[in-house]
């Protein structure tokens, strides 16, 4: 079943925003190369400290592999302080 994640990355200050701007492009590039990644987009909202997430993976297994890679990546390490607020849905 396809899995969709929608939500936000929420920075609390300029330092977190700098981390996001510096390291997010490589995270996006690597995610696009992952098996099962059907859509992965992160865009800045009207609030400069909030970024919108839109992700779709072919299956829960593909999403879980993405989560494991993310957690072990440089992006995962440097962005741990940035709040995440998201919802996950699976569809048939």
PDB file of N, CA and C in Angstrom:
ATOM      1  N   UNK A   1       0.830  -1.187   0.000  1.00  0.00           N
ATOM      2  CA  UNK A   1       0.000   0.000   0.000  1.00  0.00           C
ATOM      3  C   UNK A   1       0.873   1.249   0.000  1.00  0.00           C
ATOM      4  N   UNK A   2       0.561   2.215  -0.826  1.00  0.00           N
ATOM      5  CA  UNK A   2       1.307   3.480  -0.802  1.00  0.00           C
ATOM      6  C   UNK A   2       1.146   4.194   0.541  1.00  0.00           C
ATOM      7  N   UNK A   3       2.191   4.881   0.949  1.00  0.00           N
ATOM      8  CA  UNK A   3       2.195   5.617   2.202  1.00  0.00           C
ATOM      9  C   UNK A   3       2.514   7.076   1.900  1.00  0.00           C
ATOM     10  N   UNK A   4       1.735   7.970   2.493  1.00  0.00           N
ATOM     11  CA  UNK A   4       1.915   9.407   2.290  1.00  0.00           C
ATOM     12  C   UNK A   4       2.179  10.080   3.629  1.00  0.00           C
ATOM     13  N   UNK A   5       3.124  10.982   3.636  1.00  0.00           N
ATOM     14  CA  UNK A   5       3.421  11.785   4.810  1.00  0.00           C
ATOM     15  C   UNK A   5       3.245  13.246   4.425  1.00  0.00           C
ATOM     16  N   UNK A   6       2.499  13.977   5.221  1.00  0.00           N
ATOM     17  CA  UNK A   6       2.378  15.429   5.055  1.00  0.00           C
ATOM     18  C   UNK A   6       2.631  16.065   6.410  1.00  0.00           C
ATOM     19  N   UNK A   7       3.291  17.198   6.400  1.00  0.00           N
ATOM     20  CA  UNK A   7       3.563  17.852   7.662  1.00  0.00           C
ATOM     21  C   UNK A   7       4.499  19.025   7.523  1.00  0.00           C
ATOM     22  N   UNK A   8       5.223  19.277   8.618  1.00  0.00           N
ATOM     23  CA  UNK A   8       6.069  20.465   8.671  1.00  0.00           C
ATOM     24  C   UNK A   8       7.367  20.200   9.425  1.00  0.00           C
ATOM     25  N   UNK A   9       8.414  20.897   9.014  1.00  0.00           N
ATOM     26  CA  UNK A   9       9.628  21.050   9.794  1.00  0.00           C
ATOM     27  C   UNK A   9       9.542  22.447  10.396  1.00  0.00           C
ATOM     28  N   UNK A  10       9.752  22.558  11.694  1.00  0.00           N
ATOM     29  CA  UNK A  10       9.562  23.838  12.374  1.00  0.00           C
ATOM     30  C   UNK A  10      10.857  24.241  13.078  1.00  0.00           C
ATOM     31  N   UNK A  11      11.490  25.273  12.557  1.00  0.00           N
ATOM     32  CA  UNK A  11      12.720  25.802  13.153  1.00  0.00           C
ATOM     33  C   UNK A  11      12.346  26.794  14.249  1.00  0.00           C
ATOM     34  N   UNK A  12      13.162  26.837  15.294  1.00  0.00           N
ATOM     35  CA  UNK A  12      12.896  27.780  16.379  1.00  0.00           C
ATOM     36  C   UNK A  12      13.755  29.033  16.301  1.00  0.00           C
ATOM     37  N   UNK A  13      14.811  28.976  15.482  1.00  0.00           N
ATOM     38  CA  UNK A  13      15.697  30.136  15.398  1.00  0.00           C
ATOM     39  C   UNK A  13      16.498  30.113  14.099  1.00  0.00           C
ATOM     40  N   UNK A  14      17.286  31.135  13.926  1.00  0.00           N
ATOM     41  CA  UNK A  14      18.102  31.297  12.709  1.00  0.00           C
ATOM     42  C   UNK A  14      19.118  30.165  12.543  1.00  0.00           C
ATOM     43  N   UNK A  15      19.680  29.685  13.645  1.00  0.00           N
ATOM     44  CA  UNK A  15      20.670  28.613  13.575  1.00  0.00           C
ATOM     45  C   UNK A  15      20.050  27.347  12.978  1.00  0.00           C
ATOM     46  N   UNK A  16      18.841  26.995  13.419  1.00  0.00           N
ATOM     47  CA  UNK A  16      18.169  25.821  12.859  1.00  0.00           C
ATOM     48  C   UNK A  16      17.822  26.049  11.395  1.00  0.00           C
ATOM     49  N   UNK A  17      17.414  27.243  11.057  1.00  0.00           N
ATOM     50  CA  UNK A  17      17.111  27.567   9.668  1.00  0.00           C
ATOM     51  C   UNK A  17      18.355  27.417   8.796  1.00  0.00           C
ATOM     52  N   UNK A  18      19.493  27.842   9.293  1.00  0.00           N
ATOM     53  CA  UNK A  18      20.752  27.688   8.558  1.00  0.00           C
ATOM     54  C   UNK A  18      21.104  26.215   8.360  1.00  0.00           C
ATOM     55  N   UNK A  19      20.876  25.393   9.387  1.00  0.00           N
ATOM     56  CA  UNK A  19      21.108  23.950   9.265  1.00  0.00           C
ATOM     57  C   UNK A  19      20.223  23.384   8.160  1.00  0.00           C
ATOM     58  N   UNK A  20      18.960  23.750   8.187  1.00  0.00           N
ATOM     59  CA  UNK A  20      18.014  23.251   7.185  1.00  0.00           C
ATOM     60  C   UNK A  20      18.444  23.660   5.781  1.00  0.00           C
ATOM     61  N   UNK A  21      18.735  24.921   5.596  1.00  0.00           N
ATOM     62  CA  UNK A  21      19.114  25.406   4.262  1.00  0.00           C
ATOM     63  C   UNK A  21      20.422  24.793   3.758  1.00  0.00           C
ATOM     64  N   UNK A  22      21.342  24.530   4.672  1.00  0.00           N
ATOM     65  CA  UNK A  22      22.642  23.974   4.288  1.00  0.00           C
ATOM     66  C   UNK A  22      22.560  22.493   3.942  1.00  0.00           C
ATOM     67  N   UNK A  23      21.823  21.725   4.732  1.00  0.00           N
ATOM     68  CA  UNK A  23      21.876  20.274   4.622  1.00  0.00           C
ATOM     69  C   UNK A  23      20.665  19.630   3.937  1.00  0.00           C
ATOM     70  N   UNK A  24      19.566  20.333   3.837  1.00  0.00           N
ATOM     71  CA  UNK A  24      18.364  19.752   3.235  1.00  0.00           C
ATOM     72  C   UNK A  24      18.527  19.381   1.765  1.00  0.00           C
ATOM     73  N   UNK A  25      19.180  20.177   0.929  1.00  0.00           N
ATOM     74  CA  UNK A  25      19.280  19.802  -0.491  1.00  0.00           C
ATOM     75  C   UNK A  25      19.899  18.416  -0.713  1.00  0.00           C
ATOM     76  N   UNK A  26      20.921  18.063   0.037  1.00  0.00           N
ATOM     77  CA  UNK A  26      21.536  16.733  -0.115  1.00  0.00           C
ATOM     78  C   UNK A  26      20.590  15.641   0.383  1.00  0.00           C
ATOM     79  N   UNK A  27      19.873  15.909   1.453  1.00  0.00           N
ATOM     80  CA  UNK A  27      18.891  14.935   1.947  1.00  0.00           C
ATOM     81  C   UNK A  27      17.808  14.685   0.892  1.00  0.00           C
ATOM     82  N   UNK A  28      17.338  15.734   0.272  1.00  0.00           N
ATOM     83  CA  UNK A  28      16.325  15.594  -0.780  1.00  0.00           C
ATOM     84  C   UNK A  28      16.895  14.793  -1.949  1.00  0.00           C
ATOM     85  N   UNK A  29      18.105  15.112  -2.362  1.00  0.00           N
ATOM     86  CA  UNK A  29      18.728  14.398  -3.483  1.00  0.00           C
ATOM     87  C   UNK A  29      18.834  12.905  -3.188  1.00  0.00           C
ATOM     88  N   UNK A  30      19.318  12.569  -2.004  1.00  0.00           N
ATOM     89  CA  UNK A  30      19.476  11.166  -1.636  1.00  0.00           C
ATOM     90  C   UNK A  30      18.125  10.456  -1.522  1.00  0.00           C
ATOM     91  N   UNK A  31      17.135  11.145  -1.007  1.00  0.00           N
ATOM     92  CA  UNK A  31      15.810  10.545  -0.878  1.00  0.00           C
ATOM     93  C   UNK A  31      15.216  10.226  -2.244  1.00  0.00           C
ATOM     94  N   UNK A  32      15.397  11.108  -3.207  1.00  0.00           N
ATOM     95  CA  UNK A  32      14.878  10.854  -4.558  1.00  0.00           C
ATOM     96  C   UNK A  32      15.491   9.599  -5.177  1.00  0.00           C
ATOM     97  N   UNK A  33      16.667   9.200  -4.731  1.00  0.00           N
ATOM     98  CA  UNK A  33      17.341   8.013  -5.260  1.00  0.00           C
ATOM     99  C   UNK A  33      16.887   6.717  -4.587  1.00  0.00           C
ATOM    100  N   UNK A  34      16.146   6.813  -3.512  1.00  0.00           N
ATOM    101  CA  UNK A  34      15.734   5.631  -2.756  1.00  0.00           C
ATOM    102  C   UNK A  34      14.681   4.818  -3.507  1.00  0.00           C
ATOM    103  N   UNK A  35      14.785   3.485  -3.426  1.00  0.00           N
ATOM    104  CA  UNK A  35      13.730   2.643  -4.003  1.00  0.00           C
ATOM    105  C   UNK A  35      12.389   2.954  -3.333  1.00  0.00           C
ATOM    106  N   UNK A  36      11.353   3.059  -4.119  1.00  0.00           N
ATOM    107  CA  UNK A  36      10.017   3.288  -3.586  1.00  0.00           C
ATOM    108  C   UNK A  36       9.656   4.733  -3.331  1.00  0.00           C
ATOM    109  N   UNK A  37      10.592   5.658  -3.506  1.00  0.00           N
ATOM    110  CA  UNK A  37      10.263   7.080  -3.333  1.00  0.00           C
ATOM    111  C   UNK A  37       9.523   7.554  -4.577  1.00  0.00           C
ATOM    112  N   UNK A  38       8.253   7.841  -4.420  1.00  0.00           N
ATOM    113  CA  UNK A  38       7.435   8.308  -5.534  1.00  0.00           C
ATOM    114  C   UNK A  38       7.344   9.830  -5.588  1.00  0.00           C
ATOM    115  N   UNK A  39       7.458  10.468  -4.434  1.00  0.00           N
ATOM    116  CA  UNK A  39       7.389  11.934  -4.371  1.00  0.00           C
ATOM    117  C   UNK A  39       8.027  12.369  -3.059  1.00  0.00           C
ATOM    118  N   UNK A  40       8.857  13.395  -3.128  1.00  0.00           N
ATOM    119  CA  UNK A  40       9.479  13.937  -1.920  1.00  0.00           C
ATOM    120  C   UNK A  40       9.735  15.411  -2.170  1.00  0.00           C
ATOM    121  N   UNK A  41       9.025  16.248  -1.451  1.00  0.00           N
ATOM    122  CA  UNK A  41       9.129  17.686  -1.654  1.00  0.00           C
ATOM    123  C   UNK A  41       9.110  18.392  -0.298  1.00  0.00           C
ATOM    124  N   UNK A  42      10.010  19.334  -0.134  1.00  0.00           N
ATOM    125  CA  UNK A  42      10.061  20.168   1.063  1.00  0.00           C
ATOM    126  C   UNK A  42      10.124  21.609   0.580  1.00  0.00           C
ATOM    127  N   UNK A  43       9.131  22.406   0.965  1.00  0.00           N
ATOM    128  CA  UNK A  43       9.065  23.792   0.510  1.00  0.00           C
ATOM    129  C   UNK A  43       8.860  24.731   1.697  1.00  0.00           C
ATOM    130  N   UNK A  44       9.422  25.910   1.567  1.00  0.00           N
ATOM    131  CA  UNK A  44       9.273  26.909   2.624  1.00  0.00           C
ATOM    132  C   UNK A  44       7.863  27.474   2.588  1.00  0.00           C
ATOM    133  N   UNK A  45       7.261  27.610   3.764  1.00  0.00           N
ATOM    134  CA  UNK A  45       5.924  28.191   3.854  1.00  0.00           C
ATOM    135  C   UNK A  45       6.032  29.719   3.915  1.00  0.00           C
ATOM    136  N   UNK A  46       4.923  30.376   4.134  1.00  0.00           N
ATOM    137  CA  UNK A  46       4.950  31.839   4.257  1.00  0.00           C
ATOM    138  C   UNK A  46       5.707  32.274   5.512  1.00  0.00           C
ATOM    139  N   UNK A  47       5.813  31.391   6.485  1.00  0.00           N
ATOM    140  CA  UNK A  47       6.629  31.632   7.679  1.00  0.00           C
ATOM    141  C   UNK A  47       8.035  31.109   7.379  1.00  0.00           C
ATOM    142  N   UNK A  48       9.050  31.947   7.391  1.00  0.00           N
ATOM    143  CA  UNK A  48      10.397  31.501   7.013  1.00  0.00           C
ATOM    144  C   UNK A  48      10.973  30.395   7.904  1.00  0.00           C
ATOM    145  N   UNK A  49      10.420  30.193   9.087  1.00  0.00           N
ATOM    146  CA  UNK A  49      10.923  29.153   9.976  1.00  0.00           C
ATOM    147  C   UNK A  49      10.184  27.816   9.821  1.00  0.00           C
ATOM    148  N   UNK A  50       9.168  27.786   8.961  1.00  0.00           N
ATOM    149  CA  UNK A  50       8.358  26.575   8.791  1.00  0.00           C
ATOM    150  C   UNK A  50       8.451  26.091   7.351  1.00  0.00           C
ATOM    151  N   UNK A  51       8.714  24.808   7.192  1.00  0.00           N
ATOM    152  CA  UNK A  51       8.834  24.184   5.876  1.00  0.00           C
ATOM    153  C   UNK A  51       7.813  23.065   5.759  1.00  0.00           C
ATOM    154  N   UNK A  52       7.126  22.997   4.622  1.00  0.00           N
ATOM    155  CA  UNK A  52       6.084  21.997   4.372  1.00  0.00           C
ATOM    156  C   UNK A  52       6.685  20.730   3.779  1.00  0.00           C
ATOM    157  N   UNK A  53       6.226  19.579   4.278  1.00  0.00           N
ATOM    158  CA  UNK A  53       6.681  18.276   3.803  1.00  0.00           C
ATOM    159  C   UNK A  53       5.571  17.577   3.031  1.00  0.00           C
ATOM    160  N   UNK A  54       5.929  16.983   1.906  1.00  0.00           N
ATOM    161  CA  UNK A  54       5.009  16.147   1.120  1.00  0.00           C
ATOM    162  C   UNK A  54       5.827  14.969   0.613  1.00  0.00           C
ATOM    163  N   UNK A  55       5.519  13.793   1.145  1.00  0.00           N
ATOM    164  CA  UNK A  55       6.279  12.595   0.785  1.00  0.00           C
ATOM    165  C   UNK A  55       5.304  11.478   0.396  1.00  0.00           C
ATOM    166  N   UNK A  56       5.714  10.650  -0.553  1.00  0.00           N
ATOM    167  CA  UNK A  56       4.934   9.459  -0.899  1.00  0.00           C
ATOM    168  C   UNK A  56       5.908   8.333  -1.231  1.00  0.00           C
ATOM    169  N   UNK A  57       5.692   7.200  -0.586  1.00  0.00           N
ATOM    170  CA  UNK A  57       6.490   6.013  -0.822  1.00  0.00           C
ATOM    171  C   UNK A  57       5.576   4.883  -1.274  1.00  0.00           C
ATOM    172  N   UNK A  58       6.109   3.986  -2.077  1.00  0.00           N
ATOM    173  CA  UNK A  58       5.311   2.903  -2.657  1.00  0.00           C
ATOM    174  C   UNK A  58       4.762   1.949  -1.605  1.00  0.00           C
ATOM    175  N   UNK A  59       5.456   1.830  -0.468  1.00  0.00           N
ATOM    176  CA  UNK A  59       5.009   0.895   0.565  1.00  0.00           C
ATOM    177  C   UNK A  59       5.533   1.338   1.931  1.00  0.00           C
ATOM    178  N   UNK A  60       4.975   0.756   2.969  1.00  0.00           N
ATOM    179  CA  UNK A  60       5.456   1.031   4.319  1.00  0.00           C
ATOM    180  C   UNK A  60       6.918   0.596   4.453  1.00  0.00           C
ATOM    181  N   UNK A  61       7.278  -0.516   3.843  1.00  0.00           N
ATOM    182  CA  UNK A  61       8.670  -0.990   3.901  1.00  0.00           C
ATOM    183  C   UNK A  61       9.620   0.035   3.282  1.00  0.00           C
ATOM    184  N   UNK A  62       9.226   0.631   2.157  1.00  0.00           N
ATOM    185  CA  UNK A  62      10.062   1.660   1.530  1.00  0.00           C
ATOM    186  C   UNK A  62      10.186   2.878   2.441  1.00  0.00           C
ATOM    187  N   UNK A  63       9.087   3.262   3.078  1.00  0.00           N
ATOM    188  CA  UNK A  63       9.105   4.397   3.999  1.00  0.00           C
ATOM    189  C   UNK A  63       9.997   4.098   5.205  1.00  0.00           C
ATOM    190  N   UNK A  64       9.883   2.894   5.753  1.00  0.00           N
ATOM    191  CA  UNK A  64      10.699   2.534   6.908  1.00  0.00           C
ATOM    192  C   UNK A  64      12.185   2.501   6.547  1.00  0.00           C
ATOM    193  N   UNK A  65      12.502   2.056   5.330  1.00  0.00           N
ATOM    194  CA  UNK A  65      13.899   2.088   4.867  1.00  0.00           C
ATOM    195  C   UNK A  65      14.375   3.543   4.767  1.00  0.00           C
ATOM    196  N   UNK A  66      13.505   4.416   4.284  1.00  0.00           N
ATOM    197  CA  UNK A  66      13.833   5.843   4.211  1.00  0.00           C
ATOM    198  C   UNK A  66      14.092   6.401   5.616  1.00  0.00           C
ATOM    199  N   UNK A  67      13.232   6.065   6.558  1.00  0.00           N
ATOM    200  CA  UNK A  67      13.404   6.548   7.925  1.00  0.00           C
ATOM    201  C   UNK A  67      14.731   6.060   8.525  1.00  0.00           C
ATOM    202  N   UNK A  68      15.075   4.805   8.274  1.00  0.00           N
ATOM    203  CA  UNK A  68      16.334   4.255   8.797  1.00  0.00           C
ATOM    204  C   UNK A  68      17.535   4.956   8.164  1.00  0.00           C
ATOM    205  N   UNK A  69      17.485   5.168   6.845  1.00  0.00           N
ATOM    206  CA  UNK A  69      18.590   5.862   6.186  1.00  0.00           C
ATOM    207  C   UNK A  69      18.705   7.287   6.709  1.00  0.00           C
ATOM    208  N   UNK A  70      17.565   7.951   6.860  1.00  0.00           N
ATOM    209  CA  UNK A  70      17.559   9.326   7.340  1.00  0.00           C
ATOM    210  C   UNK A  70      18.181   9.419   8.728  1.00  0.00           C
ATOM    211  N   UNK A  71      17.766   8.530   9.612  1.00  0.00           N
ATOM    212  CA  UNK A  71      18.255   8.561  10.985  1.00  0.00           C
ATOM    213  C   UNK A  71      19.779   8.390  11.038  1.00  0.00           C
ATOM    214  N   UNK A  72      20.319   7.567  10.165  1.00  0.00           N
ATOM    215  CA  UNK A  72      21.756   7.295  10.152  1.00  0.00           C
ATOM    216  C   UNK A  72      22.559   8.317   9.345  1.00  0.00           C
ATOM    217  N   UNK A  73      21.893   9.200   8.642  1.00  0.00           N
ATOM    218  CA  UNK A  73      22.570  10.142   7.737  1.00  0.00           C
ATOM    219  C   UNK A  73      23.072  11.382   8.466  1.00  0.00           C
ATOM    220  N   UNK A  74      23.910  12.138   7.764  1.00  0.00           N
ATOM    221  CA  UNK A  74      24.379  13.425   8.291  1.00  0.00           C
ATOM    222  C   UNK A  74      23.190  14.342   8.557  1.00  0.00           C
ATOM    223  N   UNK A  75      22.243  14.378   7.634  1.00  0.00           N
ATOM    224  CA  UNK A  75      21.025  15.190   7.814  1.00  0.00           C
ATOM    225  C   UNK A  75      20.320  14.788   9.113  1.00  0.00           C
ATOM    226  N   UNK A  76      20.165  13.506   9.339  1.00  0.00           N
ATOM    227  CA  UNK A  76      19.500  13.037  10.550  1.00  0.00           C
ATOM    228  C   UNK A  76      20.204  13.495  11.811  1.00  0.00           C
ATOM    229  N   UNK A  77      21.514  13.524  11.765  1.00  0.00           N
ATOM    230  CA  UNK A  77      22.296  13.938  12.930  1.00  0.00           C
ATOM    231  C   UNK A  77      22.214  15.440  13.179  1.00  0.00           C
ATOM    232  N   UNK A  78      22.371  16.246  12.130  1.00  0.00           N
ATOM    233  CA  UNK A  78      22.424  17.704  12.340  1.00  0.00           C
ATOM    234  C   UNK A  78      21.042  18.326  12.530  1.00  0.00           C
ATOM    235  N   UNK A  79      19.983  17.623  12.126  1.00  0.00           N
ATOM    236  CA  UNK A  79      18.639  18.209  12.190  1.00  0.00           C
ATOM    237  C   UNK A  79      17.807  17.705  13.361  1.00  0.00           C
ATOM    238  N   UNK A  80      18.409  16.987  14.293  1.00  0.00           N
ATOM    239  CA  UNK A  80      17.629  16.398  15.390  1.00  0.00           C
ATOM    240  C   UNK A  80      16.877  17.435  16.217  1.00  0.00           C
ATOM    241  N   UNK A  81      17.389  18.643  16.323  1.00  0.00           N
ATOM    242  CA  UNK A  81      16.722  19.671  17.121  1.00  0.00           C
ATOM    243  C   UNK A  81      15.566  20.366  16.421  1.00  0.00           C
ATOM    244  N   UNK A  82      15.396  20.119  15.140  1.00  0.00           N
ATOM    245  CA  UNK A  82      14.317  20.760  14.385  1.00  0.00           C
ATOM    246  C   UNK A  82      13.037  19.953  14.592  1.00  0.00           C
ATOM    247  N   UNK A  83      11.998  20.626  15.072  1.00  0.00           N
ATOM    248  CA  UNK A  83      10.729  19.946  15.360  1.00  0.00           C
ATOM    249  C   UNK A  83      10.074  19.454  14.078  1.00  0.00           C
ATOM    250  N   UNK A  84       9.443  18.299  14.194  1.00  0.00           N
ATOM    251  CA  UNK A  84       8.704  17.705  13.081  1.00  0.00           C
ATOM    252  C   UNK A  84       7.262  17.496  13.523  1.00  0.00           C
ATOM    253  N   UNK A  85       6.349  17.886  12.667  1.00  0.00           N
ATOM    254  CA  UNK A  85       4.918  17.719  12.927  1.00  0.00           C
ATOM    255  C   UNK A  85       4.330  17.148  11.648  1.00  0.00           C
ATOM    256  N   UNK A  86       3.924  15.871  11.664  1.00  0.00           N
ATOM    257  CA  UNK A  86       3.428  15.272  10.438  1.00  0.00           C
ATOM    258  C   UNK A  86       2.409  14.182  10.692  1.00  0.00           C
ATOM    259  N   UNK A  87       1.695  13.849   9.627  1.00  0.00           N
ATOM    260  CA  UNK A  87       0.695  12.795   9.641  1.00  0.00           C
ATOM    261  C   UNK A  87       1.055  11.791   8.546  1.00  0.00           C
ATOM    262  N   UNK A  88       0.819  10.525   8.837  1.00  0.00           N
ATOM    263  CA  UNK A  88       1.083   9.463   7.872  1.00  0.00           C
ATOM    264  C   UNK A  88      -0.236   8.771   7.547  1.00  0.00           C
ATOM    265  N   UNK A  89      -0.482   8.564   6.256  1.00  0.00           N
ATOM    266  CA  UNK A  89      -1.667   7.834   5.828  1.00  0.00           C
ATOM    267  C   UNK A  89      -1.262   6.762   4.823  1.00  0.00           C
ATOM    268  N   UNK A  90      -1.969   5.650   4.874  1.00  0.00           N
ATOM    269  CA  UNK A  90      -1.757   4.582   3.902  1.00  0.00           C
ATOM    270  C   UNK A  90      -3.051   4.427   3.129  1.00  0.00           C
ATOM    271  N   UNK A  91      -2.917   4.163   1.831  1.00  0.00           N
ATOM    272  CA  UNK A  91      -4.101   3.993   1.005  1.00  0.00           C
ATOM    273  C   UNK A  91      -3.977   2.701   0.199  1.00  0.00           C
ATOM    274  N   UNK A  92      -5.104   2.164  -0.130  1.00  0.00           N
ATOM    275  CA  UNK A  92      -5.128   0.900  -0.880  1.00  0.00           C
ATOM    276  C   UNK A  92      -4.914   1.154  -2.353  1.00  0.00           C
TER     277      UNK A  92
END
